[in-house]
Amino acid sequence: MGLFDADNGRLTFGGDEDGDRGFSLSGERKRTVAQVSAPVFYVLVGALCLWLFAYISGLYPYLGTARDDTSSAPGVSTSLGKFGVGVSTMLLFEGQTAFFEYESTSPESEITLDVKPVTTLGYSKAMRRIRGEAGGTVEFPIAKTGFYRFRHEPALGRRYGRTRYTVSWGAR
């Protein structure tokens, strides 16, 4: 028979006084961190493997995407919404072409796009500055195999206005 424990709200079957607990129907199931984190880990690793396969095979050449909406006035800068996902540093090979696909939707926008070796300080000589409402693709040929950093940001030194843009980056 079963034994009902009113204090804990459990119905226990098969237990005895010698320490055999049997099994219980408690209505709640507590999961351990290992039981929850293992499936999440496998899903994330699987997604990363699928993305890496698509990137290496050329089916999906994108490494990331971002958007930014920033307003600035003399002495004040306010971010109205930033979002980005992806990797900004990647091993690129000689002969590849790194690229940014961008769309700037504000007449005052001024953004800087650059792909440079991680050991280079400041901007590269190939850096591009986009002003006003514009859209398109900027390409950066890779001359030497190495780790490169994709950099996008509102242009420094702008006095005032609103910068609103979306950008995606990758390599072919």
N, C-alpha and C. Protein backbone atom coordinates (compact mmCIF):
# COMPACT_ATOMS: atom_id res chain seq x y z
N MET A 1 0.83 -1.18 0.00
CA MET A 1 0.00 0.00 0.00
C MET A 1 0.87 1.23 0.00
N GLY A 2 0.24 2.37 -0.16
CA GLY A 2 0.95 3.62 -0.15
C GLY A 2 0.76 4.36 1.16
N LEU A 3 1.69 5.26 1.38
CA LEU A 3 1.65 6.07 2.59
C LEU A 3 1.64 7.54 2.17
N PHE A 4 0.67 8.30 2.65
CA PHE A 4 0.57 9.72 2.30
C PHE A 4 1.15 10.56 3.42
N ASP A 5 2.12 11.42 3.08
CA ASP A 5 2.75 12.32 4.04
C ASP A 5 2.13 13.70 3.82
N ALA A 6 1.23 14.10 4.72
CA ALA A 6 0.49 15.35 4.57
C ALA A 6 1.39 16.56 4.67
N ASP A 7 2.47 16.49 5.44
CA ASP A 7 3.37 17.64 5.61
C ASP A 7 4.12 17.96 4.31
N ASN A 8 4.52 16.95 3.58
CA ASN A 8 5.29 17.16 2.35
C ASN A 8 4.46 17.01 1.09
N GLY A 9 3.21 16.59 1.21
CA GLY A 9 2.35 16.43 0.04
C GLY A 9 2.79 15.29 -0.85
N ARG A 10 3.34 14.21 -0.29
CA ARG A 10 3.85 13.10 -1.08
C ARG A 10 3.06 11.84 -0.83
N LEU A 11 2.94 11.04 -1.86
CA LEU A 11 2.37 9.71 -1.76
C LEU A 11 3.51 8.75 -2.06
N THR A 12 3.93 7.94 -1.05
CA THR A 12 5.08 7.06 -1.17
C THR A 12 4.63 5.62 -1.24
N PHE A 13 5.23 4.85 -2.15
CA PHE A 13 4.92 3.43 -2.31
C PHE A 13 6.18 2.62 -2.07
N GLY A 14 6.04 1.49 -1.34
CA GLY A 14 7.10 0.52 -1.21
C GLY A 14 8.17 0.82 -0.20
N GLY A 15 8.06 1.84 0.59
CA GLY A 15 9.08 2.16 1.58
C GLY A 15 8.90 1.36 2.85
N ASP A 16 9.97 1.22 3.64
CA ASP A 16 9.87 0.58 4.94
C ASP A 16 10.75 1.31 5.93
N GLU A 17 10.75 0.84 7.14
CA GLU A 17 11.50 1.51 8.19
C GLU A 17 12.99 1.26 8.10
N ASP A 18 13.45 0.33 7.30
CA ASP A 18 14.88 -0.01 7.21
C ASP A 18 15.64 0.91 6.27
N GLY A 19 15.04 1.92 5.75
CA GLY A 19 15.74 2.87 4.88
C GLY A 19 15.41 2.74 3.41
N ASP A 20 14.67 1.73 3.01
CA ASP A 20 14.26 1.61 1.62
C ASP A 20 13.15 2.62 1.38
N ARG A 21 13.43 3.60 0.49
CA ARG A 21 12.50 4.71 0.31
C ARG A 21 11.41 4.41 -0.70
N GLY A 22 11.56 3.40 -1.54
CA GLY A 22 10.55 3.12 -2.55
C GLY A 22 10.53 4.25 -3.58
N PHE A 23 9.36 4.63 -4.04
CA PHE A 23 9.23 5.79 -4.93
C PHE A 23 8.06 6.62 -4.48
N SER A 24 8.09 7.91 -4.89
CA SER A 24 7.03 8.79 -4.43
C SER A 24 6.46 9.59 -5.58
N LEU A 25 5.25 10.02 -5.41
CA LEU A 25 4.57 10.90 -6.36
C LEU A 25 4.38 12.23 -5.65
N SER A 26 5.27 13.16 -5.89
CA SER A 26 5.22 14.41 -5.14
C SER A 26 4.60 15.55 -5.93
N GLY A 27 4.43 15.39 -7.21
CA GLY A 27 3.84 16.47 -8.00
C GLY A 27 4.87 17.47 -8.48
N GLU A 28 6.09 17.43 -7.96
CA GLU A 28 7.11 18.35 -8.41
C GLU A 28 8.38 17.56 -8.70
N ARG A 29 9.12 18.04 -9.68
CA ARG A 29 10.36 17.37 -10.03
C ARG A 29 11.45 18.42 -10.06
N LYS A 30 12.44 18.21 -9.26
CA LYS A 30 13.56 19.15 -9.22
C LYS A 30 14.63 18.68 -10.18
N ARG A 31 15.06 19.58 -11.06
CA ARG A 31 16.12 19.23 -12.00
C ARG A 31 17.43 19.81 -11.48
N THR A 32 18.48 19.06 -11.63
CA THR A 32 19.79 19.55 -11.23
C THR A 32 20.36 20.41 -12.34
N VAL A 33 21.40 21.16 -12.03
CA VAL A 33 22.05 22.01 -13.02
C VAL A 33 22.59 21.16 -14.16
N ALA A 34 23.14 20.01 -13.84
CA ALA A 34 23.69 19.13 -14.87
C ALA A 34 22.60 18.64 -15.82
N GLN A 35 21.40 18.35 -15.30
CA GLN A 35 20.32 17.88 -16.15
C GLN A 35 19.83 18.96 -17.10
N VAL A 36 19.91 20.21 -16.71
CA VAL A 36 19.46 21.32 -17.55
C VAL A 36 20.58 21.79 -18.47
N SER A 37 21.79 21.93 -17.95
CA SER A 37 22.87 22.53 -18.73
C SER A 37 23.41 21.61 -19.82
N ALA A 38 23.36 20.29 -19.64
CA ALA A 38 23.89 19.39 -20.66
C ALA A 38 23.12 19.52 -21.98
N PRO A 39 21.78 19.48 -22.01
CA PRO A 39 21.07 19.65 -23.29
C PRO A 39 21.30 21.04 -23.90
N VAL A 40 21.34 22.05 -23.08
CA VAL A 40 21.58 23.41 -23.59
C VAL A 40 22.96 23.47 -24.23
N PHE A 41 23.95 22.89 -23.59
CA PHE A 41 25.31 22.86 -24.11
C PHE A 41 25.34 22.17 -25.47
N TYR A 42 24.68 21.01 -25.59
CA TYR A 42 24.68 20.27 -26.85
C TYR A 42 23.96 21.03 -27.96
N VAL A 43 22.91 21.73 -27.64
CA VAL A 43 22.20 22.54 -28.64
C VAL A 43 23.10 23.68 -29.12
N LEU A 44 23.77 24.36 -28.21
CA LEU A 44 24.67 25.46 -28.60
C LEU A 44 25.85 24.97 -29.43
N VAL A 45 26.45 23.87 -29.03
CA VAL A 45 27.56 23.30 -29.80
C VAL A 45 27.08 22.87 -31.18
N GLY A 46 25.89 22.27 -31.25
CA GLY A 46 25.33 21.87 -32.54
C GLY A 46 25.09 23.07 -33.45
N ALA A 47 24.55 24.14 -32.90
CA ALA A 47 24.30 25.35 -33.69
C ALA A 47 25.62 25.95 -34.17
N LEU A 48 26.63 25.97 -33.31
CA LEU A 48 27.93 26.50 -33.70
C LEU A 48 28.54 25.65 -34.82
N CYS A 49 28.42 24.34 -34.72
CA CYS A 49 28.95 23.46 -35.76
C CYS A 49 28.23 23.68 -37.09
N LEU A 50 26.91 23.84 -37.06
CA LEU A 50 26.15 24.10 -38.30
C LEU A 50 26.58 25.42 -38.94
N TRP A 51 26.73 26.46 -38.11
CA TRP A 51 27.15 27.76 -38.63
C TRP A 51 28.55 27.65 -39.22
N LEU A 52 29.48 26.97 -38.51
CA LEU A 52 30.85 26.84 -38.99
C LEU A 52 30.89 26.07 -40.31
N PHE A 53 30.10 25.00 -40.42
CA PHE A 53 30.01 24.26 -41.68
C PHE A 53 29.51 25.17 -42.81
N ALA A 54 28.44 25.91 -42.55
CA ALA A 54 27.87 26.80 -43.57
C ALA A 54 28.87 27.88 -43.97
N TYR A 55 29.63 28.40 -42.99
CA TYR A 55 30.62 29.45 -43.29
C TYR A 55 31.76 28.88 -44.13
N ILE A 56 32.33 27.75 -43.71
CA ILE A 56 33.46 27.17 -44.42
C ILE A 56 33.06 26.73 -45.83
N SER A 57 31.88 26.19 -45.99
CA SER A 57 31.43 25.74 -47.30
C SER A 57 31.04 26.89 -48.23
N GLY A 58 30.90 28.09 -47.69
CA GLY A 58 30.54 29.23 -48.51
C GLY A 58 29.04 29.44 -48.65
N LEU A 59 28.25 28.58 -48.02
CA LEU A 59 26.79 28.73 -48.09
C LEU A 59 26.31 29.97 -47.35
N TYR A 60 27.01 30.33 -46.29
CA TYR A 60 26.63 31.48 -45.46
C TYR A 60 27.91 32.22 -45.08
N PRO A 61 28.30 33.26 -45.83
CA PRO A 61 29.59 33.91 -45.60
C PRO A 61 29.62 34.93 -44.46
N TYR A 62 28.53 35.06 -43.72
CA TYR A 62 28.45 36.11 -42.70
C TYR A 62 29.03 35.66 -41.37
N LEU A 63 29.74 36.58 -40.72
CA LEU A 63 30.30 36.33 -39.39
C LEU A 63 29.51 37.03 -38.30
N GLY A 64 28.75 38.07 -38.67
CA GLY A 64 27.98 38.78 -37.66
C GLY A 64 27.11 39.87 -38.25
N THR A 65 26.29 40.43 -37.41
CA THR A 65 25.41 41.53 -37.79
C THR A 65 25.20 42.44 -36.59
N ALA A 66 24.97 43.71 -36.85
CA ALA A 66 24.78 44.67 -35.76
C ALA A 66 23.95 45.84 -36.25
N ARG A 67 23.40 46.57 -35.27
CA ARG A 67 22.72 47.83 -35.57
C ARG A 67 23.06 48.81 -34.45
N ASP A 68 23.02 50.07 -34.78
CA ASP A 68 23.35 51.11 -33.80
C ASP A 68 22.48 52.32 -34.08
N ASP A 69 22.04 52.94 -33.02
CA ASP A 69 21.26 54.18 -33.10
C ASP A 69 21.78 55.09 -31.99
N THR A 70 22.59 56.07 -32.36
CA THR A 70 23.25 56.94 -31.40
C THR A 70 22.96 58.40 -31.74
N SER A 71 22.60 59.19 -30.74
CA SER A 71 22.45 60.63 -30.90
C SER A 71 23.53 61.34 -30.12
N SER A 72 24.05 62.41 -30.69
CA SER A 72 25.08 63.16 -29.98
C SER A 72 24.90 64.65 -30.21
N ALA A 73 25.25 65.39 -29.19
CA ALA A 73 25.28 66.84 -29.20
C ALA A 73 26.61 67.24 -28.56
N PRO A 74 27.01 68.48 -28.65
CA PRO A 74 28.28 68.86 -28.03
C PRO A 74 28.33 68.45 -26.55
N GLY A 75 29.25 67.56 -26.23
CA GLY A 75 29.44 67.12 -24.85
C GLY A 75 28.54 65.99 -24.39
N VAL A 76 27.59 65.55 -25.23
CA VAL A 76 26.64 64.51 -24.82
C VAL A 76 26.50 63.50 -25.96
N SER A 77 26.52 62.21 -25.59
CA SER A 77 26.27 61.14 -26.55
C SER A 77 25.32 60.15 -25.90
N THR A 78 24.25 59.82 -26.60
CA THR A 78 23.23 58.93 -26.06
C THR A 78 23.01 57.77 -27.02
N SER A 79 23.12 56.55 -26.51
CA SER A 79 22.83 55.38 -27.32
C SER A 79 21.36 55.05 -27.17
N LEU A 80 20.65 55.05 -28.28
CA LEU A 80 19.22 54.77 -28.28
C LEU A 80 18.93 53.30 -28.56
N GLY A 81 19.94 52.55 -28.89
CA GLY A 81 19.74 51.13 -29.15
C GLY A 81 20.89 50.53 -29.90
N LYS A 82 21.62 49.65 -29.25
CA LYS A 82 22.71 48.91 -29.89
C LYS A 82 22.39 47.43 -29.78
N PHE A 83 22.68 46.72 -30.85
CA PHE A 83 22.51 45.27 -30.85
C PHE A 83 23.54 44.68 -31.79
N GLY A 84 24.17 43.62 -31.38
CA GLY A 84 25.14 42.95 -32.24
C GLY A 84 25.30 41.51 -31.86
N VAL A 85 25.51 40.67 -32.85
CA VAL A 85 25.75 39.26 -32.61
C VAL A 85 26.73 38.77 -33.67
N GLY A 86 27.65 37.91 -33.24
CA GLY A 86 28.63 37.37 -34.17
C GLY A 86 30.03 37.52 -33.64
N VAL A 87 31.00 37.16 -34.47
CA VAL A 87 32.40 37.27 -34.09
C VAL A 87 33.02 38.45 -34.81
N SER A 88 33.86 39.20 -34.10
CA SER A 88 34.50 40.35 -34.71
C SER A 88 35.96 40.08 -35.06
N THR A 89 36.52 38.96 -34.62
CA THR A 89 37.88 38.58 -34.96
C THR A 89 37.85 37.20 -35.58
N MET A 90 38.53 37.05 -36.72
CA MET A 90 38.46 35.77 -37.44
C MET A 90 39.75 35.55 -38.21
N LEU A 91 40.12 34.28 -38.35
CA LEU A 91 41.25 33.89 -39.18
C LEU A 91 40.82 34.00 -40.64
N LEU A 92 41.53 34.84 -41.39
CA LEU A 92 41.25 35.01 -42.81
C LEU A 92 42.49 34.63 -43.61
N PHE A 93 42.27 34.15 -44.81
CA PHE A 93 43.36 33.63 -45.62
C PHE A 93 43.64 34.55 -46.81
N GLU A 94 44.89 34.54 -47.23
CA GLU A 94 45.32 35.33 -48.38
C GLU A 94 44.43 35.00 -49.57
N GLY A 95 43.94 36.02 -50.25
CA GLY A 95 43.06 35.83 -51.40
C GLY A 95 41.59 35.97 -51.07
N GLN A 96 41.22 35.86 -49.79
CA GLN A 96 39.82 36.08 -49.42
C GLN A 96 39.49 37.56 -49.50
N THR A 97 38.21 37.85 -49.54
CA THR A 97 37.74 39.22 -49.50
C THR A 97 36.82 39.38 -48.30
N ALA A 98 37.21 40.23 -47.37
CA ALA A 98 36.35 40.56 -46.23
C ALA A 98 35.40 41.66 -46.70
N PHE A 99 34.20 41.70 -46.12
CA PHE A 99 33.24 42.70 -46.58
C PHE A 99 32.33 43.15 -45.45
N PHE A 100 31.77 44.33 -45.65
CA PHE A 100 30.68 44.86 -44.83
C PHE A 100 29.53 45.17 -45.77
N GLU A 101 28.34 44.73 -45.42
CA GLU A 101 27.13 45.19 -46.09
C GLU A 101 26.46 46.14 -45.10
N TYR A 102 26.18 47.35 -45.52
CA TYR A 102 25.70 48.36 -44.58
C TYR A 102 24.50 49.11 -45.15
N GLU A 103 23.76 49.70 -44.23
CA GLU A 103 22.69 50.62 -44.60
C GLU A 103 22.62 51.69 -43.51
N SER A 104 22.86 52.91 -43.92
CA SER A 104 22.80 54.06 -43.02
C SER A 104 21.51 54.80 -43.33
N THR A 105 20.66 55.02 -42.32
CA THR A 105 19.33 55.56 -42.57
C THR A 105 19.10 56.95 -42.00
N SER A 106 20.17 57.65 -41.67
CA SER A 106 20.03 58.99 -41.13
C SER A 106 20.91 59.95 -41.93
N PRO A 107 20.39 61.13 -42.29
CA PRO A 107 21.19 62.07 -43.08
C PRO A 107 22.46 62.54 -42.35
N GLU A 108 22.43 62.55 -41.00
CA GLU A 108 23.60 62.99 -40.24
C GLU A 108 24.59 61.86 -39.95
N SER A 109 24.25 60.63 -40.35
CA SER A 109 25.10 59.48 -40.02
C SER A 109 26.49 59.64 -40.58
N GLU A 110 27.43 59.17 -39.80
CA GLU A 110 28.82 59.06 -40.24
C GLU A 110 29.40 57.85 -39.53
N ILE A 111 29.67 56.80 -40.29
CA ILE A 111 30.16 55.57 -39.68
C ILE A 111 31.52 55.19 -40.26
N THR A 112 32.30 54.48 -39.48
CA THR A 112 33.61 54.01 -39.88
C THR A 112 33.57 52.49 -39.99
N LEU A 113 34.05 51.97 -41.12
CA LEU A 113 34.12 50.53 -41.35
C LEU A 113 35.57 50.17 -41.63
N ASP A 114 36.08 49.14 -40.97
CA ASP A 114 37.48 48.78 -41.14
C ASP A 114 37.69 47.29 -40.86
N VAL A 115 38.56 46.67 -41.63
CA VAL A 115 39.02 45.30 -41.39
C VAL A 115 40.53 45.41 -41.33
N LYS A 116 41.11 45.00 -40.19
CA LYS A 116 42.54 45.18 -40.00
C LYS A 116 43.13 44.00 -39.23
N PRO A 117 44.43 43.74 -39.40
CA PRO A 117 45.07 42.70 -38.59
C PRO A 117 44.96 43.06 -37.11
N VAL A 118 44.82 42.06 -36.25
CA VAL A 118 44.63 42.33 -34.83
C VAL A 118 45.84 43.03 -34.21
N THR A 119 47.00 42.93 -34.85
CA THR A 119 48.20 43.58 -34.30
C THR A 119 48.32 45.05 -34.71
N THR A 120 47.47 45.52 -35.59
CA THR A 120 47.50 46.91 -36.05
C THR A 120 46.76 47.81 -35.09
N LEU A 121 47.42 48.88 -34.67
CA LEU A 121 46.76 49.87 -33.80
C LEU A 121 46.07 50.91 -34.67
N GLY A 122 45.02 51.51 -34.16
CA GLY A 122 44.28 52.53 -34.91
C GLY A 122 43.54 51.91 -36.08
N TYR A 123 43.41 52.69 -37.15
CA TYR A 123 42.71 52.21 -38.34
C TYR A 123 43.71 51.76 -39.39
N SER A 124 43.25 50.90 -40.30
CA SER A 124 44.10 50.49 -41.42
C SER A 124 44.02 51.55 -42.51
N LYS A 125 44.89 51.41 -43.50
CA LYS A 125 44.87 52.35 -44.63
C LYS A 125 43.63 52.16 -45.51
N ALA A 126 43.01 50.98 -45.42
CA ALA A 126 41.83 50.67 -46.23
C ALA A 126 40.52 51.12 -45.58
N MET A 127 40.58 51.72 -44.38
CA MET A 127 39.38 52.13 -43.64
C MET A 127 38.49 53.01 -44.51
N ARG A 128 37.18 52.80 -44.38
CA ARG A 128 36.20 53.60 -45.14
C ARG A 128 35.29 54.33 -44.18
N ARG A 129 34.95 55.56 -44.52
CA ARG A 129 34.01 56.36 -43.74
C ARG A 129 32.80 56.62 -44.63
N ILE A 130 31.61 56.28 -44.12
CA ILE A 130 30.36 56.43 -44.86
C ILE A 130 29.59 57.59 -44.24
N ARG A 131 29.15 58.53 -45.06
CA ARG A 131 28.42 59.71 -44.57
C ARG A 131 27.03 59.77 -45.19
N GLY A 132 26.05 60.15 -44.36
CA GLY A 132 24.69 60.35 -44.84
C GLY A 132 23.93 59.07 -45.05
N GLU A 133 22.77 59.20 -45.70
CA GLU A 133 21.95 58.04 -46.01
C GLU A 133 22.59 57.30 -47.17
N ALA A 134 22.95 56.04 -46.92
CA ALA A 134 23.62 55.26 -47.95
C ALA A 134 23.47 53.79 -47.64
N GLY A 135 23.74 52.99 -48.62
CA GLY A 135 23.72 51.54 -48.44
C GLY A 135 24.60 50.90 -49.49
N GLY A 136 25.11 49.74 -49.17
CA GLY A 136 25.95 49.06 -50.13
C GLY A 136 26.89 48.08 -49.47
N THR A 137 27.96 47.77 -50.20
CA THR A 137 28.96 46.82 -49.73
C THR A 137 30.33 47.45 -49.86
N VAL A 138 31.14 47.28 -48.81
CA VAL A 138 32.54 47.71 -48.84
C VAL A 138 33.38 46.46 -48.72
N GLU A 139 34.34 46.28 -49.64
CA GLU A 139 35.17 45.08 -49.65
C GLU A 139 36.61 45.42 -49.27
N PHE A 140 37.25 44.48 -48.58
CA PHE A 140 38.63 44.61 -48.14
C PHE A 140 39.38 43.34 -48.57
N PRO A 141 40.24 43.42 -49.61
CA PRO A 141 41.00 42.24 -50.01
C PRO A 141 42.01 41.86 -48.91
N ILE A 142 42.16 40.57 -48.65
CA ILE A 142 43.09 40.09 -47.63
C ILE A 142 44.39 39.72 -48.34
N ALA A 143 45.47 40.44 -48.01
CA ALA A 143 46.76 40.25 -48.67
C ALA A 143 47.63 39.22 -47.97
N LYS A 144 47.38 38.97 -46.69
CA LYS A 144 48.24 38.07 -45.91
C LYS A 144 47.38 37.27 -44.93
N THR A 145 47.62 35.97 -44.81
CA THR A 145 46.88 35.12 -43.89
C THR A 145 47.16 35.56 -42.45
N GLY A 146 46.09 35.65 -41.65
CA GLY A 146 46.24 36.03 -40.25
C GLY A 146 44.89 36.29 -39.61
N PHE A 147 44.94 36.70 -38.35
CA PHE A 147 43.72 37.06 -37.64
C PHE A 147 43.39 38.52 -37.91
N TYR A 148 42.14 38.76 -38.30
CA TYR A 148 41.69 40.11 -38.63
C TYR A 148 40.51 40.49 -37.74
N ARG A 149 40.40 41.79 -37.51
CA ARG A 149 39.31 42.31 -36.69
C ARG A 149 38.39 43.16 -37.57
N PHE A 150 37.09 42.88 -37.49
CA PHE A 150 36.07 43.66 -38.19
C PHE A 150 35.62 44.76 -37.23
N ARG A 151 35.68 46.00 -37.69
CA ARG A 151 35.36 47.12 -36.81
C ARG A 151 34.35 48.05 -37.48
N HIS A 152 33.28 48.34 -36.77
CA HIS A 152 32.26 49.29 -37.25
C HIS A 152 31.88 50.16 -36.06
N GLU A 153 31.75 51.46 -36.31
CA GLU A 153 31.42 52.37 -35.21
C GLU A 153 31.03 53.73 -35.76
N PRO A 154 30.28 54.51 -34.96
CA PRO A 154 30.05 55.90 -35.37
C PRO A 154 31.39 56.61 -35.47
N ALA A 155 31.54 57.48 -36.45
CA ALA A 155 32.80 58.17 -36.67
C ALA A 155 33.16 59.05 -35.47
N LEU A 156 34.42 59.00 -35.08
CA LEU A 156 34.90 59.83 -33.98
C LEU A 156 35.05 61.27 -34.45
N GLY A 157 34.85 62.19 -33.56
CA GLY A 157 35.04 63.60 -33.88
C GLY A 157 33.84 64.28 -34.50
N ARG A 158 32.75 63.56 -34.67
CA ARG A 158 31.54 64.18 -35.20
C ARG A 158 30.97 65.13 -34.16
N ARG A 159 30.53 66.28 -34.55
CA ARG A 159 30.07 67.27 -33.58
C ARG A 159 28.69 66.96 -33.02
N TYR A 160 27.72 66.72 -33.87
CA TYR A 160 26.37 66.45 -33.38
C TYR A 160 25.55 65.76 -34.46
N GLY A 161 24.43 65.21 -34.05
CA GLY A 161 23.52 64.56 -35.00
C GLY A 161 23.16 63.17 -34.54
N ARG A 162 22.55 62.45 -35.44
CA ARG A 162 22.10 61.10 -35.13
C ARG A 162 22.71 60.12 -36.12
N THR A 163 23.28 59.06 -35.60
CA THR A 163 23.85 58.01 -36.43
C THR A 163 23.00 56.77 -36.25
N ARG A 164 22.44 56.31 -37.36
CA ARG A 164 21.57 55.13 -37.33
C ARG A 164 21.97 54.24 -38.51
N TYR A 165 22.42 53.01 -38.17
CA TYR A 165 22.85 52.12 -39.24
C TYR A 165 22.71 50.66 -38.84
N THR A 166 22.67 49.80 -39.87
CA THR A 166 22.77 48.35 -39.69
C THR A 166 23.92 47.87 -40.55
N VAL A 167 24.58 46.85 -40.08
CA VAL A 167 25.75 46.34 -40.80
C VAL A 167 25.87 44.83 -40.59
N SER A 168 26.29 44.13 -41.63
CA SER A 168 26.62 42.71 -41.55
C SER A 168 28.01 42.55 -42.13
N TRP A 169 28.78 41.61 -41.58
CA TRP A 169 30.14 41.43 -42.06
C TRP A 169 30.45 39.97 -42.26
N GLY A 170 31.46 39.73 -43.08
CA GLY A 170 31.86 38.36 -43.37
C GLY A 170 33.05 38.31 -44.30
N ALA A 171 33.30 37.14 -44.89
CA ALA A 171 34.40 36.96 -45.81
C ALA A 171 34.02 35.91 -46.85
N ARG A 172 34.51 36.14 -48.04
CA ARG A 172 34.26 35.19 -49.16
C ARG A 172 35.59 34.65 -49.64
